[in-house]
N, C-alpha and C. Protein backbone atom coordinates (compact mmCIF):
# COMPACT_ATOMS: atom_id res chain seq x y z
N UNK A 1 12.98 -14.28 11.03
CA UNK A 1 12.05 -13.02 11.10
C UNK A 1 11.94 -12.34 10.16
N UNK A 2 12.65 -12.62 8.90
CA UNK A 2 12.57 -12.08 7.57
C UNK A 2 12.07 -10.66 7.42
N UNK A 3 11.54 -10.68 6.84
CA UNK A 3 10.60 -9.03 6.70
C UNK A 3 11.03 -8.32 7.82
N UNK A 4 10.55 -8.75 8.99
CA UNK A 4 10.87 -7.41 10.02
C UNK A 4 11.63 -7.75 10.39
N UNK A 5 12.83 -7.89 10.00
CA UNK A 5 14.00 -7.58 10.67
C UNK A 5 14.86 -7.19 10.31
N UNK A 6 14.07 -7.37 8.13
CA UNK A 6 15.20 -6.93 7.10
C UNK A 6 15.09 -5.09 6.63
N UNK A 7 13.45 -4.70 6.78
CA UNK A 7 13.48 -4.23 6.42
C UNK A 7 12.30 -2.86 7.10
N UNK A 8 12.07 -3.30 8.03
CA UNK A 8 11.23 -2.65 9.06
C UNK A 8 11.53 -1.61 8.96
N UNK A 9 11.01 -0.11 9.20
CA UNK A 9 11.40 1.65 10.04
C UNK A 9 10.53 1.63 10.75
N UNK A 10 10.75 3.13 11.70
CA UNK A 10 9.97 3.49 12.17
C UNK A 10 9.09 2.54 13.82
N UNK A 11 8.41 3.21 14.90
CA UNK A 11 7.89 3.15 15.32
C UNK A 11 6.54 1.65 14.99
N UNK A 12 6.40 0.45 15.93
CA UNK A 12 5.28 -0.50 15.78
C UNK A 12 4.06 -0.14 16.36
N UNK A 13 3.28 0.23 16.22
CA UNK A 13 1.82 -0.36 17.04
C UNK A 13 1.51 -0.73 17.12
N UNK A 14 1.11 -0.85 19.02
CA UNK A 14 0.48 -2.57 20.16
C UNK A 14 -0.58 -2.15 20.48
N UNK A 15 -0.97 -2.81 20.55
CA UNK A 15 -2.61 -2.90 21.25
C UNK A 15 -2.20 -4.28 21.93
N UNK A 16 -2.34 -4.57 23.53
CA UNK A 16 -2.51 -5.52 24.66
C UNK A 16 -3.05 -5.43 25.62
N UNK A 17 -4.35 -4.50 25.14
CA UNK A 17 -5.91 -4.45 26.74
C UNK A 17 -6.15 -5.99 27.13
N UNK A 18 -5.75 -7.02 25.95
CA UNK A 18 -6.53 -7.86 26.58
C UNK A 18 -5.91 -9.48 26.56
N UNK A 19 -6.27 -10.36 26.56
CA UNK A 19 -5.79 -11.57 26.37
C UNK A 19 -4.59 -11.47 24.95
N UNK A 20 -4.84 -10.95 24.38
CA UNK A 20 -4.14 -11.02 23.15
C UNK A 20 -3.43 -9.80 22.88
N UNK A 21 -1.37 -9.77 22.55
CA UNK A 21 -1.43 -8.60 22.34
C UNK A 21 -0.77 -8.50 20.44
N UNK A 22 -0.85 -7.26 20.14
CA UNK A 22 -0.76 -7.51 18.65
C UNK A 22 -0.22 -6.03 18.40
N UNK A 23 1.09 -6.51 17.38
CA UNK A 23 1.72 -5.48 16.52
C UNK A 23 1.76 -5.35 15.23
N UNK A 24 1.98 -4.23 15.02
CA UNK A 24 1.66 -3.84 13.22
C UNK A 24 2.40 -2.77 13.32
N UNK A 25 3.69 -3.38 12.23
CA UNK A 25 4.90 -2.63 11.73
C UNK A 25 5.15 -2.07 10.12
N UNK A 26 4.45 -1.08 9.84
CA UNK A 26 4.74 -0.70 8.00
C UNK A 26 6.39 -0.65 7.74
N UNK A 27 6.39 -1.29 6.74
CA UNK A 27 7.99 -1.67 6.36
C UNK A 27 8.26 -0.36 5.31
N UNK A 28 9.74 -0.34 4.86
CA UNK A 28 10.09 1.17 4.20
C UNK A 28 10.26 1.86 5.44
N UNK A 29 11.32 3.00 5.26
CA UNK A 29 12.01 4.00 6.19
C UNK A 29 10.84 5.38 6.31
N UNK A 30 11.45 5.36 7.36
CA UNK A 30 10.43 6.29 7.87
C UNK A 30 10.31 7.42 7.86
N UNK A 31 8.75 7.68 7.27
CA UNK A 31 8.68 9.00 6.30
C UNK A 31 8.33 8.86 4.44
N UNK A 32 9.23 8.08 4.41
CA UNK A 32 9.09 7.46 3.05
C UNK A 32 7.32 7.34 2.34
N UNK A 33 7.27 8.07 1.69
CA UNK A 33 6.70 8.69 0.30
C UNK A 33 5.98 7.05 -0.32
N UNK A 34 4.43 7.12 0.12
CA UNK A 34 3.00 6.32 -0.38
C UNK A 34 2.77 6.45 -1.95
N UNK A 35 2.73 5.73 -3.06
CA UNK A 35 1.49 6.85 -4.11
C UNK A 35 1.08 5.65 -4.38
N UNK A 36 -0.26 6.12 -4.99
CA UNK A 36 -1.13 4.48 -5.92
C UNK A 36 -0.22 4.00 -6.57
N UNK A 37 -0.62 2.71 -6.43
CA UNK A 37 0.06 1.28 -7.85
C UNK A 37 1.25 1.29 -5.76
N UNK A 38 1.87 1.77 -5.45
CA UNK A 38 2.66 1.20 -4.44
C UNK A 38 2.99 0.28 -3.83
N UNK A 39 3.23 -0.57 -4.03
CA UNK A 39 3.62 -1.57 -2.32
C UNK A 39 3.62 -1.78 -0.83
N UNK A 40 3.30 -2.51 0.16
CA UNK A 40 3.25 -1.55 0.72
C UNK A 40 3.49 -2.64 1.80
N UNK A 41 4.77 -3.00 2.57
CA UNK A 41 5.22 -4.81 3.28
C UNK A 41 4.50 -3.99 4.88
N UNK A 42 4.16 -5.12 5.86
CA UNK A 42 3.81 -5.01 6.99
C UNK A 42 3.94 -6.84 7.76
N UNK A 43 4.24 -6.01 8.98
CA UNK A 43 4.59 -7.23 9.49
C UNK A 43 3.72 -7.21 10.76
N UNK A 44 3.67 -8.26 10.88
CA UNK A 44 1.79 -8.07 12.26
C UNK A 44 2.08 -9.36 13.19
N UNK A 45 2.72 -8.96 14.47
CA UNK A 45 2.26 -10.29 15.36
C UNK A 45 1.74 -10.96 17.07
N UNK A 46 0.98 -11.76 17.08
CA UNK A 46 0.09 -11.60 17.51
C UNK A 46 0.02 -13.00 18.37
N UNK A 47 0.21 -12.43 20.34
CA UNK A 47 0.97 -13.09 21.25
C UNK A 47 -0.41 -12.67 22.49
N UNK A 48 -0.95 -14.42 22.30
CA UNK A 48 -0.70 -14.49 23.56
C UNK A 48 -0.97 -14.88 24.99
N UNK A 49 -1.39 -13.76 25.54
CA UNK A 49 -0.53 -12.99 27.16
C UNK A 49 -1.67 -13.48 28.17
N UNK A 50 -2.70 -14.05 27.49
CA UNK A 50 -3.46 -15.29 28.97
C UNK A 50 -3.50 -15.61 29.10
N UNK A 51 -4.21 -17.17 29.79
CA UNK A 51 -3.84 -17.83 30.76
C UNK A 51 -4.82 -19.19 29.10
N UNK A 52 -5.22 -18.81 28.54
CA UNK A 52 -6.56 -19.57 27.92
C UNK A 52 -6.17 -20.28 26.28
N UNK A 53 -6.18 -21.20 25.95
CA UNK A 53 -5.78 -21.63 24.64
C UNK A 53 -6.99 -21.04 24.03
N UNK A 54 -6.33 -20.60 22.69
CA UNK A 54 -7.08 -19.84 21.58
C UNK A 54 -6.88 -21.04 19.97
N UNK A 55 -7.61 -21.62 20.31
CA UNK A 55 -8.05 -22.35 18.72
C UNK A 55 -8.84 -22.00 17.50
N UNK A 56 -8.30 -21.66 16.24
CA UNK A 56 -9.14 -21.07 15.46
C UNK A 56 -9.10 -19.58 15.61
N UNK A 57 -7.98 -18.97 16.15
CA UNK A 57 -8.51 -17.61 16.57
C UNK A 57 -8.25 -16.00 14.91
N UNK A 58 -8.95 -16.31 15.00
CA UNK A 58 -9.91 -15.60 13.13
C UNK A 58 -8.20 -14.02 14.01
N UNK A 59 -8.32 -13.55 12.48
CA UNK A 59 -6.45 -12.63 12.94
C UNK A 59 -6.86 -11.70 11.25
N UNK A 60 -7.38 -10.41 11.08
CA UNK A 60 -7.67 -9.40 9.69
C UNK A 60 -7.08 -8.65 10.27
N UNK A 61 -6.60 -7.68 8.50
CA UNK A 61 -6.28 -6.98 7.95
C UNK A 61 -6.58 -5.80 8.14
N UNK A 62 -7.59 -5.18 7.80
CA UNK A 62 -8.34 -4.81 6.83
C UNK A 62 -7.93 -3.67 6.75
N UNK A 63 -8.09 -3.34 5.23
CA UNK A 63 -7.45 -2.39 4.26
C UNK A 63 -8.22 -1.59 3.07
N UNK A 64 -7.90 -0.36 3.49
CA UNK A 64 -8.64 0.99 3.35
C UNK A 64 -9.54 -0.51 1.44
N UNK A 65 -10.17 0.69 0.80
CA UNK A 65 -11.23 0.40 -0.29
C UNK A 65 -9.67 0.44 -1.24
N UNK A 66 -10.20 -0.79 -2.33
CA UNK A 66 -8.69 -0.51 -3.66
C UNK A 66 -7.99 -0.64 -3.62
N UNK A 67 -6.94 -1.16 -2.33
CA UNK A 67 -6.52 -1.82 -1.72
C UNK A 67 -6.50 -3.31 -1.90
N UNK A 68 -5.80 -4.50 -2.35
CA UNK A 68 -5.24 -5.77 -2.92
C UNK A 68 -3.68 -5.99 -2.03
N UNK A 69 -4.45 -7.83 -1.74
CA UNK A 69 -3.01 -8.32 -1.21
C UNK A 69 -2.28 -8.78 -1.71
N UNK A 70 -0.48 -8.88 -2.49
CA UNK A 70 -0.55 -9.42 -3.43
C UNK A 70 1.02 -10.36 -2.66
N UNK A 71 1.03 -10.78 -1.69
CA UNK A 71 1.52 -11.65 -0.60
C UNK A 71 1.57 -11.70 0.57
N UNK A 72 1.78 -13.33 1.11
CA UNK A 72 1.51 -12.90 2.74
C UNK A 72 1.65 -14.57 2.44
N UNK A 73 2.53 -14.44 4.01
CA UNK A 73 3.34 -15.72 4.62
C UNK A 73 2.80 -15.56 6.05
N UNK A 74 1.75 -16.98 6.69
CA UNK A 74 2.02 -17.28 5.49
C UNK A 74 0.43 -17.38 4.86
N UNK A 75 0.19 -18.14 3.70
CA UNK A 75 -0.62 -17.94 3.02
C UNK A 75 -2.47 -17.58 3.49
N UNK A 76 -2.44 -16.19 3.41
CA UNK A 76 -3.81 -15.90 3.90
C UNK A 76 -5.31 -15.52 2.49
N UNK A 77 -6.25 -15.98 3.25
CA UNK A 77 -7.61 -16.14 2.40
C UNK A 77 -7.39 -14.67 2.79
N UNK A 78 -8.25 -13.89 1.43
CA UNK A 78 -8.32 -12.28 0.62
C UNK A 78 -10.31 -12.41 0.12
N UNK A 79 -10.63 -11.14 1.56
CA UNK A 79 -11.85 -10.84 1.47
C UNK A 79 -12.78 -10.25 2.09
N UNK A 80 -14.48 -9.59 2.12
CA UNK A 80 -14.78 -9.09 2.91
C UNK A 80 -13.86 -7.78 2.77
N UNK A 81 -13.06 -6.67 2.29
CA UNK A 81 -12.08 -5.88 3.06
C UNK A 81 -10.89 -6.01 3.35
N UNK A 82 -10.30 -7.36 3.55
CA UNK A 82 -9.01 -7.57 3.68
C UNK A 82 -8.70 -8.65 3.71
N UNK A 83 -8.07 -9.17 5.21
CA UNK A 83 -6.88 -10.33 4.56
C UNK A 83 -7.19 -10.96 5.62
N UNK A 84 -7.43 -12.18 6.26
CA UNK A 84 -7.25 -13.33 7.14
C UNK A 84 -6.43 -14.22 7.16
N UNK A 85 -6.52 -14.75 8.36
CA UNK A 85 -5.55 -16.46 7.98
C UNK A 85 -6.05 -16.29 9.97
N UNK A 86 -5.92 -17.93 10.17
CA UNK A 86 -6.78 -18.88 11.20
C UNK A 86 -5.24 -19.11 11.96
N UNK A 87 -5.32 -19.20 13.23
CA UNK A 87 -4.58 -19.25 13.92
C UNK A 87 -4.63 -20.38 15.36
N UNK A 88 -4.24 -21.30 15.91
CA UNK A 88 -4.18 -21.40 17.29
C UNK A 88 -2.69 -20.82 17.79
N UNK A 89 -3.23 -20.73 19.36
CA UNK A 89 -2.52 -20.18 20.03
C UNK A 89 -2.67 -20.88 21.47
N UNK A 90 -1.43 -21.17 21.90
CA UNK A 90 -1.77 -21.75 23.61
C UNK A 90 -1.17 -20.24 23.99
N UNK A 91 -1.15 -20.13 25.91
CA UNK A 91 -1.02 -19.84 26.41
C UNK A 91 0.51 -19.36 26.78
N UNK A 92 1.57 -18.28 26.28
CA UNK A 92 2.61 -17.40 25.52
C UNK A 92 3.30 -17.76 23.78
N UNK A 93 2.53 -18.60 23.26
CA UNK A 93 3.00 -18.36 21.99
C UNK A 93 1.97 -16.95 20.94
N UNK A 94 3.17 -17.42 20.19
CA UNK A 94 2.94 -15.59 19.38
C UNK A 94 3.49 -16.48 18.24
N UNK A 95 2.53 -15.73 16.47
CA UNK A 95 2.96 -15.74 15.89
C UNK A 95 3.14 -14.99 15.14
N UNK A 96 4.29 -14.69 13.69
CA UNK A 96 4.29 -13.37 13.13
C UNK A 96 3.89 -13.93 11.51
N UNK A 97 3.20 -12.08 10.95
CA UNK A 97 2.80 -12.49 9.79
C UNK A 97 3.27 -11.50 9.20
N UNK A 98 3.10 -11.73 7.44
CA UNK A 98 3.85 -10.66 7.35
C UNK A 98 2.68 -10.76 5.88
N UNK A 99 2.74 -9.14 5.50
CA UNK A 99 1.95 -8.93 4.21
C UNK A 99 2.08 -8.14 3.62
N UNK A 100 2.12 -8.44 2.37
CA UNK A 100 2.60 -7.22 1.12
C UNK A 100 0.40 -6.75 0.05
N UNK A 101 0.87 -5.39 0.90
CA UNK A 101 -0.48 -4.51 -0.26
C UNK A 101 -0.25 -3.95 -0.85
N UNK A 102 -1.55 -4.16 -2.23
CA UNK A 102 -0.62 -2.84 -3.40
C UNK A 102 -1.98 -1.67 -3.15
N UNK A 103 -1.55 -0.85 -3.30
CA UNK A 103 -2.04 0.55 -2.51
C UNK A 103 -2.93 1.59 -4.05
N UNK A 104 -4.45 1.68 -3.74
CA UNK A 104 -5.33 2.33 -4.28
C UNK A 104 -4.85 3.50 -4.30
N UNK A 105 -5.75 4.09 -4.67
CA UNK A 105 -5.97 5.01 -5.04
C UNK A 105 -6.82 6.17 -3.78
N UNK A 106 -6.15 7.12 -4.14
CA UNK A 106 -7.07 8.46 -3.09
C UNK A 106 -8.40 8.57 -2.83
N UNK A 107 -9.38 8.59 -4.30
CA UNK A 107 -10.54 8.89 -4.24
C UNK A 107 -11.13 7.58 -3.77
N UNK A 108 -10.74 5.41 -4.20
CA UNK A 108 -10.60 4.64 -3.53
C UNK A 108 -11.47 4.86 -1.62
N UNK A 109 -10.30 5.42 -1.83
CA UNK A 109 -10.13 5.36 0.27
C UNK A 109 -10.96 6.35 0.82
N UNK A 110 -11.46 7.37 0.11
CA UNK A 110 -12.48 8.32 0.37
C UNK A 110 -14.36 7.23 -0.11
N UNK A 111 -13.94 6.85 -0.65
CA UNK A 111 -15.28 6.82 -1.39
C UNK A 111 -15.89 5.14 -0.32
N UNK A 112 -15.18 4.59 -0.04
CA UNK A 112 -15.14 3.04 0.48
C UNK A 112 -15.40 3.31 2.31
N UNK A 113 -16.07 1.80 2.24
CA UNK A 113 -16.28 1.84 3.75
C UNK A 113 -15.35 1.07 4.57
N UNK A 114 -15.02 0.86 5.65
CA UNK A 114 -14.84 -0.42 6.32
C UNK A 114 -15.41 -0.46 7.50
N UNK A 115 -14.88 -1.44 7.37
CA UNK A 115 -15.74 -2.23 8.76
C UNK A 115 -15.14 -0.80 10.47
N UNK A 116 -16.05 -0.89 11.61
CA UNK A 116 -15.97 0.28 12.04
C UNK A 116 -15.66 -0.20 13.48
N UNK A 117 -14.22 0.22 13.59
CA UNK A 117 -13.89 -1.02 15.20
C UNK A 117 -13.08 0.99 15.49
N UNK A 118 -12.78 0.81 17.07
CA UNK A 118 -12.34 1.88 17.42
C UNK A 118 -10.87 2.54 16.22
N UNK A 119 -10.57 3.50 16.54
CA UNK A 119 -9.09 3.77 16.03
C UNK A 119 -8.17 4.67 16.88
N UNK A 120 -7.07 4.96 16.99
CA UNK A 120 -6.41 5.57 17.79
C UNK A 120 -6.78 7.37 17.79
N UNK A 121 -6.08 7.79 18.11
CA UNK A 121 -6.30 9.34 18.27
C UNK A 121 -5.60 9.49 16.99
N UNK A 122 -6.12 10.18 15.37
CA UNK A 122 -5.37 9.93 14.18
C UNK A 122 -4.99 11.76 14.22
N UNK A 123 -5.09 12.55 15.33
CA UNK A 123 -4.72 14.23 15.01
C UNK A 123 -3.83 14.82 13.93
N UNK A 124 -2.64 13.59 14.37
CA UNK A 124 -1.45 13.75 13.69
C UNK A 124 -0.97 13.68 11.60
N UNK A 125 -3.00 13.63 11.64
CA UNK A 125 -2.75 13.10 10.11
C UNK A 125 -2.10 13.84 9.36
N UNK A 126 -2.13 13.95 8.06
CA UNK A 126 -0.46 14.72 6.53
C UNK A 126 -1.29 15.46 6.58
N UNK A 127 -1.44 17.03 6.32
CA UNK A 127 -1.28 17.52 5.51
C UNK A 127 -1.24 17.53 3.93
N UNK A 128 -0.53 16.66 3.53
CA UNK A 128 -1.10 16.59 2.06
C UNK A 128 -1.04 15.07 1.72
N UNK A 129 -2.45 15.12 0.74
CA UNK A 129 -2.57 13.64 0.42
C UNK A 129 -3.98 13.40 0.92
N UNK A 130 -4.27 11.78 1.49
CA UNK A 130 -4.66 11.09 1.44
C UNK A 130 -4.47 10.06 2.44
N UNK A 131 -4.99 10.43 3.82
CA UNK A 131 -4.35 9.21 5.25
C UNK A 131 -5.18 8.76 4.72
N UNK A 132 -4.47 6.67 4.72
CA UNK A 132 -5.03 5.71 4.70
C UNK A 132 -4.78 5.24 6.61
N UNK A 133 -5.76 4.32 6.89
CA UNK A 133 -5.90 3.48 8.27
C UNK A 133 -5.86 1.65 7.64
N UNK A 134 -5.07 1.20 8.44
CA UNK A 134 -5.40 -0.55 7.88
C UNK A 134 -4.96 -0.62 9.62
N UNK A 135 -5.90 -1.86 10.08
CA UNK A 135 -6.54 -2.52 11.50
C UNK A 135 -6.05 -3.61 11.29
N UNK A 136 -5.57 -4.22 12.57
CA UNK A 136 -4.88 -5.60 12.09
C UNK A 136 -6.31 -6.05 14.30
N UNK A 137 -7.34 -6.90 13.67
CA UNK A 137 -7.72 -7.81 14.43
C UNK A 137 -8.02 -9.05 14.68
N UNK A 138 -8.28 -9.32 16.09
CA UNK A 138 -7.66 -10.85 16.16
C UNK A 138 -9.54 -11.20 17.45
N UNK A 139 -9.54 -12.16 15.90
CA UNK A 139 -11.07 -12.48 17.17
C UNK A 139 -11.50 -13.70 17.58
N UNK A 140 -12.59 -14.34 18.69
CA UNK A 140 -12.11 -16.19 18.66
C UNK A 140 -13.55 -16.56 17.60
N UNK A 141 -13.60 -17.86 17.11
CA UNK A 141 -13.82 -18.12 16.30
C UNK A 141 -15.39 -18.24 16.82
N UNK A 142 -15.73 -19.12 18.04
CA UNK A 142 -17.21 -19.21 17.87
C UNK A 142 -17.87 -17.85 19.06
N UNK A 143 -18.26 -16.91 17.75
CA UNK A 143 -19.43 -16.01 18.11
C UNK A 143 -18.60 -14.66 17.60
N UNK A 144 -16.76 -14.88 17.77
CA UNK A 144 -17.24 -13.98 16.49
C UNK A 144 -16.47 -12.71 17.57
N UNK A 145 -16.60 -12.90 19.71
CA UNK A 145 -15.93 -11.59 19.57
C UNK A 145 -14.27 -11.36 19.85
N UNK A 146 -14.27 -9.54 19.64
CA UNK A 146 -12.83 -9.71 19.67
C UNK A 146 -11.95 -9.29 20.33
N UNK A 147 -10.94 -9.78 20.32
CA UNK A 147 -10.37 -10.09 22.01
C UNK A 147 -9.09 -8.28 21.13
N UNK A 148 -8.80 -7.49 20.48
CA UNK A 148 -8.57 -7.00 20.16
C UNK A 148 -7.43 -6.69 19.14
N UNK A 149 -7.16 -5.81 18.32
CA UNK A 149 -7.09 -4.45 17.45
C UNK A 149 -5.91 -3.71 17.58
N UNK A 150 -5.58 -3.59 16.71
CA UNK A 150 -4.44 -1.99 16.51
C UNK A 150 -4.78 -1.36 14.63
N UNK A 151 -3.81 -0.46 15.20
CA UNK A 151 -4.13 0.71 13.98
C UNK A 151 -2.76 0.60 13.28
N UNK A 152 -2.71 0.91 12.45
CA UNK A 152 -1.24 1.61 11.63
C UNK A 152 -2.03 3.19 10.33
N UNK A 153 -1.54 4.55 10.51
CA UNK A 153 -2.08 5.34 10.00
C UNK A 153 -0.82 5.72 8.96
N UNK A 154 -1.21 6.31 7.51
CA UNK A 154 0.47 6.11 6.73
C UNK A 154 -0.20 7.17 5.83
N UNK A 155 0.14 8.50 5.07
CA UNK A 155 -0.21 9.16 3.44
C UNK A 155 0.00 8.38 2.86
N UNK A 156 -1.46 8.97 1.89
CA UNK A 156 -1.15 8.24 0.83
C UNK A 156 -1.00 9.39 0.07
N UNK A 157 -0.13 9.76 -1.09
CA UNK A 157 0.21 11.56 -1.93
C UNK A 157 -0.23 11.25 -3.65
N UNK A 158 -0.12 12.39 -3.99
CA UNK A 158 -1.48 12.36 -5.32
C UNK A 158 -0.21 11.74 -5.86
N UNK A 159 -0.80 11.13 -6.77
CA UNK A 159 0.21 10.62 -8.10
C UNK A 159 1.11 12.09 -8.92
N UNK A 160 2.08 12.10 -8.85
CA UNK A 160 3.35 12.63 -9.67
C UNK A 160 2.58 12.01 -10.88
N UNK A 161 2.49 13.24 -11.85
CA UNK A 161 2.55 13.61 -12.63
C UNK A 161 3.60 13.46 -13.37
N UNK A 162 4.56 12.86 -14.15
CA UNK A 162 5.61 12.59 -15.24
C UNK A 162 5.41 14.46 -16.26
N UNK A 163 6.99 14.49 -15.77
CA UNK A 163 6.65 16.20 -16.65
C UNK A 163 7.93 15.83 -18.13
N UNK A 164 7.56 15.53 -19.08
CA UNK A 164 8.89 15.24 -19.54
C UNK A 164 10.15 17.43 -19.89
N UNK A 165 10.62 16.64 -20.54
CA UNK A 165 12.01 18.09 -20.05
C UNK A 165 12.06 18.50 -20.78
N UNK A 166 12.26 19.78 -21.26
CA UNK A 166 12.42 20.62 -22.00
C UNK A 166 12.84 20.31 -23.05
N UNK A 167 13.78 19.87 -23.24
CA UNK A 167 14.56 19.14 -24.21
C UNK A 167 14.60 18.50 -24.91
N UNK A 168 12.89 17.23 -24.45
CA UNK A 168 12.62 15.96 -25.18
C UNK A 168 11.61 17.32 -26.12
N UNK A 169 10.96 18.16 -25.96
CA UNK A 169 10.14 18.75 -26.31
C UNK A 169 10.15 20.02 -27.33
N UNK A 170 11.60 20.51 -26.97
CA UNK A 170 13.37 21.46 -28.16
C UNK A 170 13.21 20.94 -29.00
N UNK A 171 13.55 19.35 -29.02
CA UNK A 171 13.81 18.41 -30.11
C UNK A 171 12.97 17.89 -30.46
N UNK A 172 11.81 17.46 -29.86
CA UNK A 172 10.72 16.80 -31.14
C UNK A 172 10.37 18.24 -31.89
N UNK A 173 10.24 19.87 -32.19
CA UNK A 173 9.88 20.44 -32.42
C UNK A 173 11.00 20.73 -33.78
N UNK A 174 11.90 20.41 -33.75
CA UNK A 174 13.18 21.53 -34.05
C UNK A 174 13.67 19.85 -35.03
N UNK A 175 12.92 18.71 -34.03
CA UNK A 175 13.71 17.38 -36.14
C UNK A 175 11.81 17.61 -37.27
N UNK A 176 10.81 18.06 -36.32
CA UNK A 176 9.38 18.69 -37.77
C UNK A 176 10.10 19.89 -38.04
N UNK A 177 10.29 21.06 -37.71
CA UNK A 177 11.02 21.80 -38.48
C UNK A 177 12.15 21.64 -39.25
N UNK A 178 12.62 20.78 -38.82
CA UNK A 178 13.93 20.08 -40.22
C UNK A 178 13.43 19.16 -41.12
N UNK A 179 12.46 18.29 -40.58
CA UNK A 179 11.90 17.26 -41.43
C UNK A 179 11.24 18.90 -43.14
N UNK A 180 10.81 19.43 -42.31
CA UNK A 180 8.87 20.01 -43.10
C UNK A 180 10.30 21.29 -44.11
N UNK A 181 11.63 21.56 -43.83
CA UNK A 181 12.09 22.03 -44.37
C UNK A 181 13.16 20.88 -45.82
N UNK A 182 13.26 19.98 -45.51
CA UNK A 182 13.22 18.70 -46.36
C UNK A 182 12.65 18.68 -46.83
N UNK A 183 11.39 18.97 -46.63
CA UNK A 183 10.50 18.18 -47.50
C UNK A 183 9.82 19.70 -48.95
N UNK A 184 10.49 20.84 -48.26
CA UNK A 184 10.09 22.23 -49.28
C UNK A 184 11.57 21.77 -50.27
N UNK A 185 12.61 21.30 -49.98
CA UNK A 185 13.45 22.45 -50.93
C UNK A 185 13.65 20.73 -51.37
N UNK A 186 13.76 19.53 -51.58
CA UNK A 186 13.10 18.47 -51.78
C UNK A 186 12.55 18.90 -53.40
N UNK A 187 11.19 19.54 -52.85
CA UNK A 187 9.91 19.89 -53.58
C UNK A 187 10.58 20.58 -54.89
N UNK A 188 11.45 21.85 -54.78
CA UNK A 188 12.08 22.74 -55.39
C UNK A 188 13.48 21.85 -56.00
N UNK A 189 13.37 21.41 -55.78
CA UNK A 189 15.11 20.98 -56.44
C UNK A 189 13.86 19.38 -57.85
N UNK A 190 13.74 18.65 -57.01
CA UNK A 190 12.95 18.26 -58.40
C UNK A 190 11.79 19.69 -59.42
N UNK A 191 11.88 20.54 -58.64
CA UNK A 191 10.67 21.32 -60.06
C UNK A 191 12.38 22.04 -60.83
N UNK A 192 13.11 22.73 -59.76
CA UNK A 192 14.07 22.73 -60.77
C UNK A 192 14.69 21.73 -62.06
N UNK A 193 14.99 20.17 -61.26
CA UNK A 193 15.51 19.30 -62.34
C UNK A 193 14.41 19.67 -63.96
N UNK A 194 12.86 19.57 -63.67
CA UNK A 194 11.70 19.07 -64.52
C UNK A 194 12.56 20.13 -65.79
N UNK A 195 11.99 21.82 -65.03
CA UNK A 195 13.00 22.62 -65.74
C UNK A 195 13.74 22.28 -66.58
N UNK A 196 15.05 22.29 -66.59
CA UNK A 196 16.57 21.74 -67.25
C UNK A 196 16.01 21.02 -67.33
N UNK A 197 14.78 19.39 -67.72
CA UNK A 197 15.30 18.58 -68.73
C UNK A 197 14.46 18.64 -70.21
């Protein structure tokens, strides 16, 4: 199981309304901060809970604007605002997918447009930062009928501004003062030597 067993924390999101049951779980510690440029791991399971076999089932992980795929197992096709896989599932069969995405900026999220899918109640949105949602859907190859979707929501916090410690500033000012004083003393020394020569 790899990623799913090793690093995933928190409760997964489930969708099991139709013949396809989907679970998506975001990696990392519950409540871990996510900032621009970070990478986020997802573990996705897609299970055929019905009686019909599905050949060439399209599984799509829809990403916010500015997010990009870093890694996927199995290999994925990246494009159209998300990441995709083609899988075949017999009744009772399931597939496990792992992908890692690089986080974009809050501005990209707010300005981007996603394919509209029914979203869960997101009233528990974070008070700070920009909320973002990733959605996993499964659809049939012929006609593209959506068989199930599930979403995960998180908060993208504003980037941290690096603050230089006070002693760096003090050291830089002190070095400049010493260099200036040394230059003045050196010029006086040269003038004094010329007078006595």
